[in-house]
Amino acid sequence: MKPVHTRVPLDIGAIHFIGIGGIGMSGIAEIMHNLGYQVQGSDTADNANVKRLRRMGIPIAVGHAQENLKDAHVVVYSSAVKPGNAELDA
């Protein structure tokens, strides 16, 4: 089977990561940011990953709320995000 390569256009708009402070999500967010995508996110804690991503210039809200999504065009979340999350339900 021949591999299929797809590309997400850089002008897709803001990509919002719910749970951006997690080990997996923070790594994906960092890669997307380094590739030139507009990245933002939220997490329940202001942990070391959140602080590191903020130093890179990524805006991150502590706490999950519907208003955190106001500029988002794409939302990315992991299985760690539970049903009933305010952003996931928005």
PDB file of N, CA and C in Angstrom:
ATOM      1  N   MET A   1       0.829  -1.168   0.000  1.00  0.00           N
ATOM      2  CA  MET A   1       0.000   0.000   0.000  1.00  0.00           C
ATOM      3  C   MET A   1       0.882   1.243   0.000  1.00  0.00           C
ATOM      4  N   LYS A   2       0.570   2.169  -0.850  1.00  0.00           N
ATOM      5  CA  LYS A   2       1.326   3.406  -0.976  1.00  0.00           C
ATOM      6  C   LYS A   2       0.910   4.387   0.128  1.00  0.00           C
ATOM      7  N   PRO A   3       1.888   5.021   0.815  1.00  0.00           N
ATOM      8  CA  PRO A   3       1.527   5.966   1.872  1.00  0.00           C
ATOM      9  C   PRO A   3       0.827   7.193   1.291  1.00  0.00           C
ATOM     10  N   VAL A   4      -0.086   7.730   2.049  1.00  0.00           N
ATOM     11  CA  VAL A   4      -0.807   8.933   1.656  1.00  0.00           C
ATOM     12  C   VAL A   4      -0.300  10.081   2.517  1.00  0.00           C
ATOM     13  N   HIS A   5       0.087  11.157   1.880  1.00  0.00           N
ATOM     14  CA  HIS A   5       0.573  12.330   2.596  1.00  0.00           C
ATOM     15  C   HIS A   5      -0.459  13.436   2.471  1.00  0.00           C
ATOM     16  N   THR A   6      -0.872  13.945   3.599  1.00  0.00           N
ATOM     17  CA  THR A   6      -1.798  15.066   3.596  1.00  0.00           C
ATOM     18  C   THR A   6      -1.168  16.219   4.353  1.00  0.00           C
ATOM     19  N   ARG A   7      -1.613  17.406   4.031  1.00  0.00           N
ATOM     20  CA  ARG A   7      -1.099  18.591   4.697  1.00  0.00           C
ATOM     21  C   ARG A   7      -2.258  19.450   5.151  1.00  0.00           C
ATOM     22  N   VAL A   8      -2.138  19.944   6.354  1.00  0.00           N
ATOM     23  CA  VAL A   8      -3.113  20.884   6.873  1.00  0.00           C
ATOM     24  C   VAL A   8      -2.639  22.268   6.440  1.00  0.00           C
ATOM     25  N   PRO A   9      -3.492  23.050   5.776  1.00  0.00           N
ATOM     26  CA  PRO A   9      -3.051  24.372   5.326  1.00  0.00           C
ATOM     27  C   PRO A   9      -2.689  25.271   6.511  1.00  0.00           C
ATOM     28  N   LEU A  10      -1.631  26.061   6.358  1.00  0.00           N
ATOM     29  CA  LEU A  10      -1.192  26.955   7.427  1.00  0.00           C
ATOM     30  C   LEU A  10      -2.237  28.006   7.765  1.00  0.00           C
ATOM     31  N   ASP A  11      -3.100  28.322   6.808  1.00  0.00           N
ATOM     32  CA  ASP A  11      -4.105  29.361   7.042  1.00  0.00           C
ATOM     33  C   ASP A  11      -5.417  28.786   7.576  1.00  0.00           C
ATOM     34  N   ILE A  12      -5.371  27.633   8.185  1.00  0.00           N
ATOM     35  CA  ILE A  12      -6.578  26.984   8.696  1.00  0.00           C
ATOM     36  C   ILE A  12      -7.207  27.781   9.846  1.00  0.00           C
ATOM     37  N   GLY A  13      -6.449  28.628  10.494  1.00  0.00           N
ATOM     38  CA  GLY A  13      -6.942  29.393  11.637  1.00  0.00           C
ATOM     39  C   GLY A  13      -6.413  28.805  12.931  1.00  0.00           C
ATOM     40  N   ALA A  14      -6.895  29.357  14.022  1.00  0.00           N
ATOM     41  CA  ALA A  14      -6.398  28.950  15.340  1.00  0.00           C
ATOM     42  C   ALA A  14      -6.780  27.506  15.652  1.00  0.00           C
ATOM     43  N   ILE A  15      -5.789  26.752  16.108  1.00  0.00           N
ATOM     44  CA  ILE A  15      -5.992  25.367  16.535  1.00  0.00           C
ATOM     45  C   ILE A  15      -5.967  25.371  18.057  1.00  0.00           C
ATOM     46  N   HIS A  16      -7.086  25.005  18.666  1.00  0.00           N
ATOM     47  CA  HIS A  16      -7.220  25.028  20.126  1.00  0.00           C
ATOM     48  C   HIS A  16      -7.045  23.615  20.680  1.00  0.00           C
ATOM     49  N   PHE A  17      -6.128  23.468  21.625  1.00  0.00           N
ATOM     50  CA  PHE A  17      -5.863  22.183  22.269  1.00  0.00           C
ATOM     51  C   PHE A  17      -6.473  22.178  23.666  1.00  0.00           C
ATOM     52  N   ILE A  18      -7.476  21.326  23.879  1.00  0.00           N
ATOM     53  CA  ILE A  18      -8.054  21.149  25.209  1.00  0.00           C
ATOM     54  C   ILE A  18      -7.152  20.170  25.960  1.00  0.00           C
ATOM     55  N   GLY A  19      -6.627  20.601  27.113  1.00  0.00           N
ATOM     56  CA  GLY A  19      -5.685  19.765  27.857  1.00  0.00           C
ATOM     57  C   GLY A  19      -4.276  19.911  27.322  1.00  0.00           C
ATOM     58  N   ILE A  20      -3.928  21.117  26.887  1.00  0.00           N
ATOM     59  CA  ILE A  20      -2.635  21.376  26.239  1.00  0.00           C
ATOM     60  C   ILE A  20      -1.444  21.104  27.163  1.00  0.00           C
ATOM     61  N   GLY A  21      -1.664  21.052  28.462  1.00  0.00           N
ATOM     62  CA  GLY A  21      -0.566  20.819  29.396  1.00  0.00           C
ATOM     63  C   GLY A  21      -0.164  19.366  29.552  1.00  0.00           C
ATOM     64  N   GLY A  22      -0.916  18.458  28.966  1.00  0.00           N
ATOM     65  CA  GLY A  22      -0.573  17.041  29.052  1.00  0.00           C
ATOM     66  C   GLY A  22       0.662  16.716  28.226  1.00  0.00           C
ATOM     67  N   ILE A  23       1.308  15.627  28.547  1.00  0.00           N
ATOM     68  CA  ILE A  23       2.567  15.280  27.882  1.00  0.00           C
ATOM     69  C   ILE A  23       2.395  15.079  26.380  1.00  0.00           C
ATOM     70  N   GLY A  24       1.332  14.433  25.957  1.00  0.00           N
ATOM     71  CA  GLY A  24       1.111  14.208  24.529  1.00  0.00           C
ATOM     72  C   GLY A  24       0.636  15.450  23.807  1.00  0.00           C
ATOM     73  N   MET A  25      -0.361  16.125  24.371  1.00  0.00           N
ATOM     74  CA  MET A  25      -0.937  17.305  23.726  1.00  0.00           C
ATOM     75  C   MET A  25       0.067  18.449  23.660  1.00  0.00           C
ATOM     76  N   SER A  26       0.881  18.611  24.699  1.00  0.00           N
ATOM     77  CA  SER A  26       1.862  19.699  24.686  1.00  0.00           C
ATOM     78  C   SER A  26       2.890  19.484  23.580  1.00  0.00           C
ATOM     79  N   GLY A  27       3.285  18.245  23.361  1.00  0.00           N
ATOM     80  CA  GLY A  27       4.238  17.949  22.292  1.00  0.00           C
ATOM     81  C   GLY A  27       3.663  18.213  20.914  1.00  0.00           C
ATOM     82  N   ILE A  28       2.423  17.815  20.703  1.00  0.00           N
ATOM     83  CA  ILE A  28       1.769  18.062  19.410  1.00  0.00           C
ATOM     84  C   ILE A  28       1.600  19.558  19.193  1.00  0.00           C
ATOM     85  N   ALA A  29       1.165  20.270  20.240  1.00  0.00           N
ATOM     86  CA  ALA A  29       0.981  21.719  20.133  1.00  0.00           C
ATOM     87  C   ALA A  29       2.301  22.413  19.803  1.00  0.00           C
ATOM     88  N   GLU A  30       3.383  21.983  20.432  1.00  0.00           N
ATOM     89  CA  GLU A  30       4.693  22.578  20.169  1.00  0.00           C
ATOM     90  C   GLU A  30       5.119  22.344  18.723  1.00  0.00           C
ATOM     91  N   ILE A  31       4.942  21.142  18.234  1.00  0.00           N
ATOM     92  CA  ILE A  31       5.299  20.845  16.842  1.00  0.00           C
ATOM     93  C   ILE A  31       4.480  21.701  15.886  1.00  0.00           C
ATOM     94  N   MET A  32       3.173  21.780  16.108  1.00  0.00           N
ATOM     95  CA  MET A  32       2.313  22.589  15.232  1.00  0.00           C
ATOM     96  C   MET A  32       2.740  24.060  15.262  1.00  0.00           C
ATOM     97  N   HIS A  33       3.049  24.559  16.450  1.00  0.00           N
ATOM     98  CA  HIS A  33       3.522  25.942  16.590  1.00  0.00           C
ATOM     99  C   HIS A  33       4.829  26.144  15.817  1.00  0.00           C
ATOM    100  N   ASN A  34       5.760  25.216  15.975  1.00  0.00           N
ATOM    101  CA  ASN A  34       7.051  25.320  15.284  1.00  0.00           C
ATOM    102  C   ASN A  34       6.914  25.218  13.771  1.00  0.00           C
ATOM    103  N   LEU A  35       5.868  24.561  13.303  1.00  0.00           N
ATOM    104  CA  LEU A  35       5.612  24.468  11.860  1.00  0.00           C
ATOM    105  C   LEU A  35       4.923  25.715  11.313  1.00  0.00           C
ATOM    106  N   GLY A  36       4.534  26.624  12.196  1.00  0.00           N
ATOM    107  CA  GLY A  36       3.936  27.877  11.760  1.00  0.00           C
ATOM    108  C   GLY A  36       2.437  27.995  11.938  1.00  0.00           C
ATOM    109  N   TYR A  37       1.819  27.029  12.593  1.00  0.00           N
ATOM    110  CA  TYR A  37       0.378  27.094  12.828  1.00  0.00           C
ATOM    111  C   TYR A  37       0.071  28.010  14.006  1.00  0.00           C
ATOM    112  N   GLN A  38      -1.114  28.606  13.977  1.00  0.00           N
ATOM    113  CA  GLN A  38      -1.594  29.423  15.087  1.00  0.00           C
ATOM    114  C   GLN A  38      -2.182  28.465  16.121  1.00  0.00           C
ATOM    115  N   VAL A  39      -1.532  28.383  17.272  1.00  0.00           N
ATOM    116  CA  VAL A  39      -1.902  27.421  18.311  1.00  0.00           C
ATOM    117  C   VAL A  39      -2.336  28.170  19.566  1.00  0.00           C
ATOM    118  N   GLN A  40      -3.346  27.653  20.214  1.00  0.00           N
ATOM    119  CA  GLN A  40      -3.798  28.151  21.510  1.00  0.00           C
ATOM    120  C   GLN A  40      -4.296  26.953  22.300  1.00  0.00           C
ATOM    121  N   GLY A  41      -4.599  27.150  23.577  1.00  0.00           N
ATOM    122  CA  GLY A  41      -5.096  26.012  24.328  1.00  0.00           C
ATOM    123  C   GLY A  41      -5.560  26.360  25.713  1.00  0.00           C
ATOM    124  N   SER A  42      -5.953  25.316  26.426  1.00  0.00           N
ATOM    125  CA  SER A  42      -6.403  25.455  27.805  1.00  0.00           C
ATOM    126  C   SER A  42      -6.049  24.186  28.568  1.00  0.00           C
ATOM    127  N   ASP A  43      -5.929  24.354  29.872  1.00  0.00           N
ATOM    128  CA  ASP A  43      -5.668  23.214  30.742  1.00  0.00           C
ATOM    129  C   ASP A  43      -6.182  23.549  32.131  1.00  0.00           C
ATOM    130  N   THR A  44      -6.375  22.536  32.937  1.00  0.00           N
ATOM    131  CA  THR A  44      -6.867  22.755  34.295  1.00  0.00           C
ATOM    132  C   THR A  44      -5.771  23.237  35.233  1.00  0.00           C
ATOM    133  N   ALA A  45      -4.513  23.057  34.861  1.00  0.00           N
ATOM    134  CA  ALA A  45      -3.397  23.420  35.741  1.00  0.00           C
ATOM    135  C   ALA A  45      -2.359  24.244  34.988  1.00  0.00           C
ATOM    136  N   ASP A  46      -1.705  25.115  35.726  1.00  0.00           N
ATOM    137  CA  ASP A  46      -0.620  25.927  35.179  1.00  0.00           C
ATOM    138  C   ASP A  46       0.691  25.173  35.431  1.00  0.00           C
ATOM    139  N   ASN A  47       0.854  24.043  34.735  1.00  0.00           N
ATOM    140  CA  ASN A  47       1.990  23.157  35.002  1.00  0.00           C
ATOM    141  C   ASN A  47       3.223  23.541  34.179  1.00  0.00           C
ATOM    142  N   ALA A  48       4.275  22.766  34.304  1.00  0.00           N
ATOM    143  CA  ALA A  48       5.535  23.068  33.618  1.00  0.00           C
ATOM    144  C   ALA A  48       5.368  23.094  32.101  1.00  0.00           C
ATOM    145  N   ASN A  49       4.568  22.197  31.543  1.00  0.00           N
ATOM    146  CA  ASN A  49       4.351  22.204  30.092  1.00  0.00           C
ATOM    147  C   ASN A  49       3.626  23.464  29.649  1.00  0.00           C
ATOM    148  N   VAL A  50       2.633  23.889  30.414  1.00  0.00           N
ATOM    149  CA  VAL A  50       1.898  25.120  30.094  1.00  0.00           C
ATOM    150  C   VAL A  50       2.855  26.309  30.118  1.00  0.00           C
ATOM    151  N   LYS A  51       3.675  26.394  31.140  1.00  0.00           N
ATOM    152  CA  LYS A  51       4.631  27.505  31.255  1.00  0.00           C
ATOM    153  C   LYS A  51       5.622  27.501  30.095  1.00  0.00           C
ATOM    154  N   ARG A  52       6.096  26.325  29.721  1.00  0.00           N
ATOM    155  CA  ARG A  52       7.045  26.217  28.599  1.00  0.00           C
ATOM    156  C   ARG A  52       6.398  26.686  27.303  1.00  0.00           C
ATOM    157  N   LEU A  53       5.173  26.248  27.046  1.00  0.00           N
ATOM    158  CA  LEU A  53       4.478  26.650  25.823  1.00  0.00           C
ATOM    159  C   LEU A  53       4.179  28.145  25.820  1.00  0.00           C
ATOM    160  N   ARG A  54       3.841  28.692  26.967  1.00  0.00           N
ATOM    161  CA  ARG A  54       3.611  30.144  27.051  1.00  0.00           C
ATOM    162  C   ARG A  54       4.883  30.912  26.712  1.00  0.00           C
ATOM    163  N   ARG A  55       6.018  30.430  27.185  1.00  0.00           N
ATOM    164  CA  ARG A  55       7.298  31.097  26.870  1.00  0.00           C
ATOM    165  C   ARG A  55       7.559  31.102  25.371  1.00  0.00           C
ATOM    166  N   MET A  56       6.984  30.141  24.667  1.00  0.00           N
ATOM    167  CA  MET A  56       7.124  30.084  23.210  1.00  0.00           C
ATOM    168  C   MET A  56       6.159  31.047  22.519  1.00  0.00           C
ATOM    169  N   GLY A  57       5.244  31.643  23.294  1.00  0.00           N
ATOM    170  CA  GLY A  57       4.287  32.582  22.728  1.00  0.00           C
ATOM    171  C   GLY A  57       2.905  32.011  22.472  1.00  0.00           C
ATOM    172  N   ILE A  58       2.639  30.812  22.963  1.00  0.00           N
ATOM    173  CA  ILE A  58       1.329  30.181  22.771  1.00  0.00           C
ATOM    174  C   ILE A  58       0.394  30.652  23.885  1.00  0.00           C
ATOM    175  N   PRO A  59      -0.747  31.265  23.528  1.00  0.00           N
ATOM    176  CA  PRO A  59      -1.699  31.684  24.556  1.00  0.00           C
ATOM    177  C   PRO A  59      -2.441  30.484  25.148  1.00  0.00           C
ATOM    178  N   ILE A  60      -2.449  30.414  26.478  1.00  0.00           N
ATOM    179  CA  ILE A  60      -3.077  29.286  27.168  1.00  0.00           C
ATOM    180  C   ILE A  60      -3.900  29.807  28.338  1.00  0.00           C
ATOM    181  N   ALA A  61      -5.146  29.365  28.397  1.00  0.00           N
ATOM    182  CA  ALA A  61      -6.034  29.694  29.513  1.00  0.00           C
ATOM    183  C   ALA A  61      -5.973  28.575  30.538  1.00  0.00           C
ATOM    184  N   VAL A  62      -5.976  28.947  31.812  1.00  0.00           N
ATOM    185  CA  VAL A  62      -6.082  27.947  32.871  1.00  0.00           C
ATOM    186  C   VAL A  62      -7.556  27.847  33.226  1.00  0.00           C
ATOM    187  N   GLY A  63      -8.087  26.655  33.097  1.00  0.00           N
ATOM    188  CA  GLY A  63      -9.509  26.417  33.273  1.00  0.00           C
ATOM    189  C   GLY A  63     -10.165  26.217  31.917  1.00  0.00           C
ATOM    190  N   HIS A  64     -11.227  25.459  31.909  1.00  0.00           N
ATOM    191  CA  HIS A  64     -11.940  25.183  30.666  1.00  0.00           C
ATOM    192  C   HIS A  64     -13.247  25.964  30.667  1.00  0.00           C
ATOM    193  N   ALA A  65     -13.462  26.751  29.628  1.00  0.00           N
ATOM    194  CA  ALA A  65     -14.668  27.567  29.502  1.00  0.00           C
ATOM    195  C   ALA A  65     -14.961  27.778  28.028  1.00  0.00           C
ATOM    196  N   GLN A  66     -16.223  27.903  27.705  1.00  0.00           N
ATOM    197  CA  GLN A  66     -16.651  28.072  26.318  1.00  0.00           C
ATOM    198  C   GLN A  66     -15.972  29.278  25.665  1.00  0.00           C
ATOM    199  N   GLU A  67     -15.771  30.362  26.413  1.00  0.00           N
ATOM    200  CA  GLU A  67     -15.165  31.564  25.831  1.00  0.00           C
ATOM    201  C   GLU A  67     -13.713  31.353  25.404  1.00  0.00           C
ATOM    202  N   ASN A  68     -13.059  30.303  25.872  1.00  0.00           N
ATOM    203  CA  ASN A  68     -11.693  30.002  25.429  1.00  0.00           C
ATOM    204  C   ASN A  68     -11.652  29.625  23.953  1.00  0.00           C
ATOM    205  N   LEU A  69     -12.784  29.245  23.390  1.00  0.00           N
ATOM    206  CA  LEU A  69     -12.852  28.794  21.998  1.00  0.00           C
ATOM    207  C   LEU A  69     -13.191  29.902  21.014  1.00  0.00           C
ATOM    208  N   LYS A  70     -13.343  31.140  21.473  1.00  0.00           N
ATOM    209  CA  LYS A  70     -13.866  32.198  20.611  1.00  0.00           C
ATOM    210  C   LYS A  70     -13.068  32.408  19.327  1.00  0.00           C
ATOM    211  N   ASP A  71     -11.769  32.195  19.336  1.00  0.00           N
ATOM    212  CA  ASP A  71     -10.949  32.385  18.134  1.00  0.00           C
ATOM    213  C   ASP A  71     -10.607  31.075  17.430  1.00  0.00           C
ATOM    214  N   ALA A  72     -11.070  29.957  17.961  1.00  0.00           N
ATOM    215  CA  ALA A  72     -10.674  28.641  17.440  1.00  0.00           C
ATOM    216  C   ALA A  72     -11.427  28.275  16.167  1.00  0.00           C
ATOM    217  N   HIS A  73     -10.688  27.734  15.212  1.00  0.00           N
ATOM    218  CA  HIS A  73     -11.274  27.174  13.995  1.00  0.00           C
ATOM    219  C   HIS A  73     -11.254  25.650  14.029  1.00  0.00           C
ATOM    220  N   VAL A  74     -10.301  25.109  14.797  1.00  0.00           N
ATOM    221  CA  VAL A  74     -10.143  23.662  14.945  1.00  0.00           C
ATOM    222  C   VAL A  74      -9.945  23.378  16.434  1.00  0.00           C
ATOM    223  N   VAL A  75     -10.560  22.301  16.926  1.00  0.00           N
ATOM    224  CA  VAL A  75     -10.388  21.900  18.324  1.00  0.00           C
ATOM    225  C   VAL A  75      -9.793  20.496  18.354  1.00  0.00           C
ATOM    226  N   VAL A  76      -8.736  20.335  19.150  1.00  0.00           N
ATOM    227  CA  VAL A  76      -8.061  19.050  19.310  1.00  0.00           C
ATOM    228  C   VAL A  76      -8.165  18.667  20.785  1.00  0.00           C
ATOM    229  N   TYR A  77      -8.532  17.419  21.048  1.00  0.00           N
ATOM    230  CA  TYR A  77      -8.621  16.964  22.434  1.00  0.00           C
ATOM    231  C   TYR A  77      -8.221  15.501  22.506  1.00  0.00           C
ATOM    232  N   SER A  78      -7.851  15.078  23.708  1.00  0.00           N
ATOM    233  CA  SER A  78      -7.438  13.690  23.898  1.00  0.00           C
ATOM    234  C   SER A  78      -8.495  12.932  24.683  1.00  0.00           C
ATOM    235  N   SER A  79      -8.269  11.653  24.840  1.00  0.00           N
ATOM    236  CA  SER A  79      -9.193  10.816  25.603  1.00  0.00           C
ATOM    237  C   SER A  79      -9.183  11.173  27.086  1.00  0.00           C
ATOM    238  N   ALA A  80      -8.216  11.969  27.525  1.00  0.00           N
ATOM    239  CA  ALA A  80      -8.176  12.404  28.920  1.00  0.00           C
ATOM    240  C   ALA A  80      -9.249  13.448  29.221  1.00  0.00           C
ATOM    241  N   VAL A  81      -9.791  14.081  28.192  1.00  0.00           N
ATOM    242  CA  VAL A  81     -10.849  15.078  28.377  1.00  0.00           C
ATOM    243  C   VAL A  81     -12.162  14.335  28.577  1.00  0.00           C
ATOM    244  N   LYS A  82     -12.773  14.592  29.702  1.00  0.00           N
ATOM    245  CA  LYS A  82     -13.981  13.854  30.096  1.00  0.00           C
ATOM    246  C   LYS A  82     -15.248  14.474  29.511  1.00  0.00           C
ATOM    247  N   PRO A  83     -16.277  13.657  29.288  1.00  0.00           N
ATOM    248  CA  PRO A  83     -17.581  14.192  28.870  1.00  0.00           C
ATOM    249  C   PRO A  83     -18.063  15.216  29.899  1.00  0.00           C
ATOM    250  N   GLY A  84     -18.705  16.245  29.415  1.00  0.00           N
ATOM    251  CA  GLY A  84     -19.161  17.309  30.291  1.00  0.00           C
ATOM    252  C   GLY A  84     -18.192  18.471  30.363  1.00  0.00           C
ATOM    253  N   ASN A  85     -17.036  18.358  29.707  1.00  0.00           N
ATOM    254  CA  ASN A  85     -16.078  19.454  29.651  1.00  0.00           C
ATOM    255  C   ASN A  85     -16.734  20.627  28.931  1.00  0.00           C
ATOM    256  N   ALA A  86     -16.642  21.824  29.504  1.00  0.00           N
ATOM    257  CA  ALA A  86     -17.309  23.009  28.953  1.00  0.00           C
ATOM    258  C   ALA A  86     -16.876  23.314  27.523  1.00  0.00           C
ATOM    259  N   GLU A  87     -15.622  23.087  27.196  1.00  0.00           N
ATOM    260  CA  GLU A  87     -15.130  23.369  25.845  1.00  0.00           C
ATOM    261  C   GLU A  87     -15.546  22.277  24.872  1.00  0.00           C
ATOM    262  N   LEU A  88     -15.501  21.054  25.312  1.00  0.00           N
ATOM    263  CA  LEU A  88     -15.886  19.936  24.452  1.00  0.00           C
ATOM    264  C   LEU A  88     -17.375  20.001  24.129  1.00  0.00           C
ATOM    265  N   ASP A  89     -18.169  20.464  25.077  1.00  0.00           N
ATOM    266  CA  ASP A  89     -19.614  20.555  24.882  1.00  0.00           C
ATOM    267  C   ASP A  89     -20.043  21.798  24.109  1.00  0.00           C
ATOM    268  N   ALA A  90     -19.121  22.759  23.925  1.00  0.00           N
ATOM    269  CA  ALA A  90     -19.477  24.029  23.252  1.00  0.00           C
ATOM    270  C   ALA A  90     -19.808  23.818  21.787  1.00  0.00           C
TER     271      ALA A  90
END
